[in-house]
């Protein structure tokens, strides 16, 4: 099983820092700032055991680059893909 976290980025409105936690462990820190809009940008992917339940947390760190106008994060989708 593959879990994919995709996020939609908007020009100058995203925080540069968010963490992805899976089952209580931090798996990635994402830099989400982009001066151009990127719809459905793939931010993270992982292979997980399909025989158990998993917990996914997107932690917004509230940090921003000087060019950014805010610290919000927009989550577009979390998808499960079959092998």
Protein backbone atom coordinates (compact mmCIF):
# COMPACT_ATOMS: atom_id res chain seq x y z
CA UNK A 1 0.00 0.00 0.00
CA UNK A 2 1.24 3.48 -0.80
CA UNK A 3 -0.02 6.54 1.05
CA UNK A 4 0.37 9.77 -0.90
CA UNK A 5 -0.08 13.24 0.54
CA UNK A 6 -0.70 15.88 -2.12
CA UNK A 7 -1.08 19.54 -1.40
CA UNK A 8 -2.27 22.48 -3.47
CA UNK A 9 0.09 25.45 -3.27
CA UNK A 10 -1.08 29.02 -3.78
CA UNK A 11 1.20 31.89 -4.74
CA UNK A 12 2.74 33.60 -1.70
CA UNK A 13 0.24 32.16 0.77
CA UNK A 14 1.88 28.99 2.02
CA UNK A 15 4.13 28.31 4.94
CA UNK A 16 7.57 27.00 4.04
CA UNK A 17 7.46 24.41 6.78
CA UNK A 18 5.13 21.54 7.59
CA UNK A 19 5.91 18.11 8.99
CA UNK A 20 4.42 14.76 7.96
CA UNK A 21 4.03 12.30 10.84
CA UNK A 22 3.10 8.65 10.24
CA UNK A 23 2.23 6.40 13.17
CA UNK A 24 3.89 8.74 15.68
CA UNK A 25 7.17 9.21 13.79
CA UNK A 26 8.15 12.29 11.84
CA UNK A 27 8.78 11.16 8.27
CA UNK A 28 9.38 14.44 6.43
CA UNK A 29 9.64 18.21 6.72
CA UNK A 30 8.24 19.92 3.64
CA UNK A 31 9.10 23.35 2.28
CA UNK A 32 5.75 24.39 0.82
CA UNK A 33 6.51 27.93 -0.34
CA UNK A 34 6.35 28.56 -4.06
CA UNK A 35 5.94 31.89 -5.83
CA UNK A 36 3.90 30.12 -8.54
CA UNK A 37 0.70 28.11 -8.13
CA UNK A 38 1.26 24.35 -8.28
CA UNK A 39 -1.99 22.42 -8.06
CA UNK A 40 -1.79 18.88 -6.70
CA UNK A 41 1.92 18.94 -6.00
CA UNK A 42 3.08 15.60 -4.57
CA UNK A 43 4.59 16.44 -1.20
CA UNK A 44 5.16 13.00 0.33
CA UNK A 45 4.77 9.29 -0.37
CA UNK A 46 5.41 6.17 1.71
CA UNK A 47 4.93 2.42 1.54
CA UNK A 48 2.96 1.16 4.53
CA UNK A 49 1.79 -2.21 5.82
CA UNK A 50 -1.73 -2.77 4.45
CA UNK A 51 -2.68 -5.17 7.27
CA UNK A 52 -2.83 -2.45 9.94
CA UNK A 53 -4.40 0.96 10.56
CA UNK A 54 -2.18 4.03 10.18
CA UNK A 55 -2.33 7.57 11.54
CA UNK A 56 -1.14 10.46 9.37
CA UNK A 57 -0.62 13.94 10.82
CA UNK A 58 0.21 17.11 8.88
CA UNK A 59 1.75 19.50 11.41
CA UNK A 60 1.85 23.15 10.30
CA UNK A 61 4.90 24.81 11.86
CA UNK A 62 3.68 28.41 11.50
CA UNK A 63 6.94 29.59 9.95
CA UNK A 64 7.17 31.61 6.76
CA UNK A 65 9.64 33.08 4.33
CA UNK A 66 9.84 36.88 4.04
CA UNK A 67 8.15 36.74 0.61
CA UNK A 68 5.19 34.74 1.93
CA UNK A 69 2.07 36.57 3.06
CA UNK A 70 0.84 33.91 5.47
CA UNK A 71 1.43 30.67 7.30
CA UNK A 72 -1.51 28.54 6.13
CA UNK A 73 -1.23 25.11 4.52
CA UNK A 74 -3.86 23.76 2.16
CA UNK A 75 -4.18 19.95 2.06
CA UNK A 76 -5.67 18.81 -1.21
CA UNK A 77 -5.76 15.03 -0.75
CA UNK A 78 -4.57 11.93 1.02
CA UNK A 79 -4.86 8.91 -1.25
CA UNK A 80 -4.34 5.18 -0.85
CA UNK A 81 -3.07 3.47 -3.99
CA UNK A 82 -3.17 -0.28 -4.52
CA UNK A 83 0.07 -1.96 -5.64
